[in-house]
Amino acid sequence: MQIDIRSIHFKTDKKLDDFIKEKVSKLPQYYDGVIASEIILKLANIEGAENKIAEIKLAIPGNDLYARKQSKSFEEATDGAVDALRRQLIKHKEKVRKV
């Protein structure tokens, strides 16, 4: 699976990149058809601690799955988005099996 990480208006460090790649690379175990993933990290224009946004788009045959989470750290936002995508992949796999 191809993993593409983009950060908007800032540079990520290797530790964050490795964390995201480790989390996202576990998603194909829930559904074999994952082709690629695109992760976009950005800062929200709001005051306060919860201004980090992680958006993850997974390319699978037929359509794409998408999750967006906002949190106080990119790691936490990534965890939430990956968890949401895990649930979507399981639901998609069940739907494909019924057809």
C-alpha atoms as a PDB file:
ATOM      1  CA  MET A   1       0.000   0.000   0.000  1.00  0.00           C
ATOM      2  CA  GLN A   2       1.254   3.443  -0.911  1.00  0.00           C
ATOM      3  CA  ILE A   3       1.227   5.984   1.950  1.00  0.00           C
ATOM      4  CA  ASP A   4       1.415   9.693   1.100  1.00  0.00           C
ATOM      5  CA  ILE A   5       1.752  12.184   3.977  1.00  0.00           C
ATOM      6  CA  ARG A   6       1.289  15.901   3.318  1.00  0.00           C
ATOM      7  CA  SER A   7       1.433  18.700   5.843  1.00  0.00           C
ATOM      8  CA  ILE A   8      -0.060  22.089   5.087  1.00  0.00           C
ATOM      9  CA  HIS A   9       2.103  25.130   6.025  1.00  0.00           C
ATOM     10  CA  PHE A  10       4.545  23.228   8.247  1.00  0.00           C
ATOM     11  CA  LYS A  11       7.140  20.454   8.096  1.00  0.00           C
ATOM     12  CA  THR A  12       6.604  17.169   9.934  1.00  0.00           C
ATOM     13  CA  ASP A  13       9.428  15.455  11.743  1.00  0.00           C
ATOM     14  CA  LYS A  14      10.499  11.865  11.127  1.00  0.00           C
ATOM     15  CA  LYS A  15       8.997  10.678  14.415  1.00  0.00           C
ATOM     16  CA  LEU A  16       5.510  11.882  13.420  1.00  0.00           C
ATOM     17  CA  ASP A  17       5.862  10.435   9.906  1.00  0.00           C
ATOM     18  CA  ASP A  18       6.891   7.052  11.338  1.00  0.00           C
ATOM     19  CA  PHE A  19       3.987   7.093  13.812  1.00  0.00           C
ATOM     20  CA  ILE A  20       1.464   7.810  11.053  1.00  0.00           C
ATOM     21  CA  LYS A  21       2.922   5.204   8.686  1.00  0.00           C
ATOM     22  CA  GLU A  22       2.837   2.576  11.447  1.00  0.00           C
ATOM     23  CA  LYS A  23      -0.826   3.277  12.244  1.00  0.00           C
ATOM     24  CA  VAL A  24      -2.031   3.487   8.635  1.00  0.00           C
ATOM     25  CA  SER A  25      -0.070   0.423   7.509  1.00  0.00           C
ATOM     26  CA  LYS A  26      -2.187  -1.720   9.873  1.00  0.00           C
ATOM     27  CA  LEU A  27      -5.437  -0.887   8.045  1.00  0.00           C
ATOM     28  CA  PRO A  28      -5.065  -3.465   5.210  1.00  0.00           C
ATOM     29  CA  GLN A  29      -5.427  -6.274   7.758  1.00  0.00           C
ATOM     30  CA  TYR A  30      -9.140  -5.358   7.974  1.00  0.00           C
ATOM     31  CA  TYR A  31      -9.683  -5.278   4.204  1.00  0.00           C
ATOM     32  CA  ASP A  32      -7.248  -6.583   1.574  1.00  0.00           C
ATOM     33  CA  GLY A  33      -8.320  -4.168  -1.152  1.00  0.00           C
ATOM     34  CA  VAL A  34      -6.637  -1.026   0.209  1.00  0.00           C
ATOM     35  CA  ILE A  35      -4.629   0.453  -2.671  1.00  0.00           C
ATOM     36  CA  ALA A  36      -3.263   3.710  -1.278  1.00  0.00           C
ATOM     37  CA  SER A  37      -3.697   6.236   1.490  1.00  0.00           C
ATOM     38  CA  GLU A  38      -3.363   9.995   1.569  1.00  0.00           C
ATOM     39  CA  ILE A  39      -2.866  11.723   4.913  1.00  0.00           C
ATOM     40  CA  ILE A  40      -3.205  15.489   5.207  1.00  0.00           C
ATOM     41  CA  LEU A  41      -2.120  17.253   8.392  1.00  0.00           C
ATOM     42  CA  LYS A  42      -3.064  20.864   9.027  1.00  0.00           C
ATOM     43  CA  LEU A  43      -3.640  23.418  11.745  1.00  0.00           C
ATOM     44  CA  ALA A  44      -7.130  24.825  12.271  1.00  0.00           C
ATOM     45  CA  ASN A  45      -7.619  28.587  12.454  1.00  0.00           C
ATOM     46  CA  ILE A  46      -9.090  28.456  15.942  1.00  0.00           C
ATOM     47  CA  GLU A  47      -7.769  29.463  19.329  1.00  0.00           C
ATOM     48  CA  GLY A  48      -7.263  26.712  21.854  1.00  0.00           C
ATOM     49  CA  ALA A  49      -5.509  23.411  22.216  1.00  0.00           C
ATOM     50  CA  GLU A  50      -7.586  21.290  19.816  1.00  0.00           C
ATOM     51  CA  ASN A  51      -6.350  22.847  16.585  1.00  0.00           C
ATOM     52  CA  LYS A  52      -4.568  19.877  14.938  1.00  0.00           C
ATOM     53  CA  ILE A  53      -6.446  18.156  12.102  1.00  0.00           C
ATOM     54  CA  ALA A  54      -5.667  14.800  10.490  1.00  0.00           C
ATOM     55  CA  GLU A  55      -7.535  13.818   7.328  1.00  0.00           C
ATOM     56  CA  ILE A  56      -7.043  10.331   5.881  1.00  0.00           C
ATOM     57  CA  LYS A  57      -8.370   9.143   2.525  1.00  0.00           C
ATOM     58  CA  LEU A  58      -8.106   5.456   1.632  1.00  0.00           C
ATOM     59  CA  ALA A  59      -8.369   4.333  -1.973  1.00  0.00           C
ATOM     60  CA  ILE A  60     -10.150   1.004  -2.302  1.00  0.00           C
ATOM     61  CA  PRO A  61     -11.668  -0.598  -5.407  1.00  0.00           C
ATOM     62  CA  GLY A  62     -14.960   1.052  -6.249  1.00  0.00           C
ATOM     63  CA  ASN A  63     -14.727   4.117  -3.998  1.00  0.00           C
ATOM     64  CA  ASP A  64     -12.710   5.943  -1.352  1.00  0.00           C
ATOM     65  CA  LEU A  65     -13.089   6.013   2.406  1.00  0.00           C
ATOM     66  CA  TYR A  66     -12.471   9.227   4.327  1.00  0.00           C
ATOM     67  CA  ALA A  67     -12.011  10.235   7.964  1.00  0.00           C
ATOM     68  CA  ARG A  68     -11.221  13.618   9.515  1.00  0.00           C
ATOM     69  CA  LYS A  69     -10.425  14.144  13.192  1.00  0.00           C
ATOM     70  CA  GLN A  70      -9.450  17.233  15.147  1.00  0.00           C
ATOM     71  CA  SER A  71      -7.541  17.009  18.408  1.00  0.00           C
ATOM     72  CA  LYS A  72      -4.837  18.590  20.563  1.00  0.00           C
ATOM     73  CA  SER A  73      -2.035  16.573  18.908  1.00  0.00           C
ATOM     74  CA  PHE A  74      -1.495  15.101  15.460  1.00  0.00           C
ATOM     75  CA  GLU A  75      -0.909  11.678  17.024  1.00  0.00           C
ATOM     76  CA  GLU A  76      -4.274  11.756  18.778  1.00  0.00           C
ATOM     77  CA  ALA A  77      -6.055  13.025  15.665  1.00  0.00           C
ATOM     78  CA  THR A  78      -4.395  10.297  13.573  1.00  0.00           C
ATOM     79  CA  ASP A  79      -5.442   7.638  16.085  1.00  0.00           C
ATOM     80  CA  GLY A  80      -9.052   8.790  15.890  1.00  0.00           C
ATOM     81  CA  ALA A  81      -9.083   8.908  12.105  1.00  0.00           C
ATOM     82  CA  VAL A  82      -7.458   5.472  11.790  1.00  0.00           C
ATOM     83  CA  ASP A  83     -10.010   4.044  14.235  1.00  0.00           C
ATOM     84  CA  ALA A  84     -12.876   5.532  12.209  1.00  0.00           C
ATOM     85  CA  LEU A  85     -11.421   4.086   9.003  1.00  0.00           C
ATOM     86  CA  ARG A  86     -10.991   0.695  10.648  1.00  0.00           C
ATOM     87  CA  ARG A  87     -14.730   0.647  11.412  1.00  0.00           C
ATOM     88  CA  GLN A  88     -15.528   1.765   7.844  1.00  0.00           C
ATOM     89  CA  LEU A  89     -13.310  -0.967   6.374  1.00  0.00           C
ATOM     90  CA  ILE A  90     -14.974  -3.659   8.489  1.00  0.00           C
ATOM     91  CA  LYS A  91     -18.425  -2.406   7.443  1.00  0.00           C
ATOM     92  CA  HIS A  92     -17.358  -2.266   3.773  1.00  0.00           C
ATOM     93  CA  LYS A  93     -15.929  -5.801   3.938  1.00  0.00           C
ATOM     94  CA  GLU A  94     -19.213  -7.124   5.374  1.00  0.00           C
ATOM     95  CA  LYS A  95     -21.184  -5.337   2.648  1.00  0.00           C
ATOM     96  CA  VAL A  96     -18.960  -6.801  -0.111  1.00  0.00           C
ATOM     97  CA  ARG A  97     -19.336 -10.313   1.304  1.00  0.00           C
ATOM     98  CA  LYS A  98     -23.157 -10.066   1.263  1.00  0.00           C
ATOM     99  CA  VAL A  99     -23.251  -9.178  -2.429  1.00  0.00           C
END
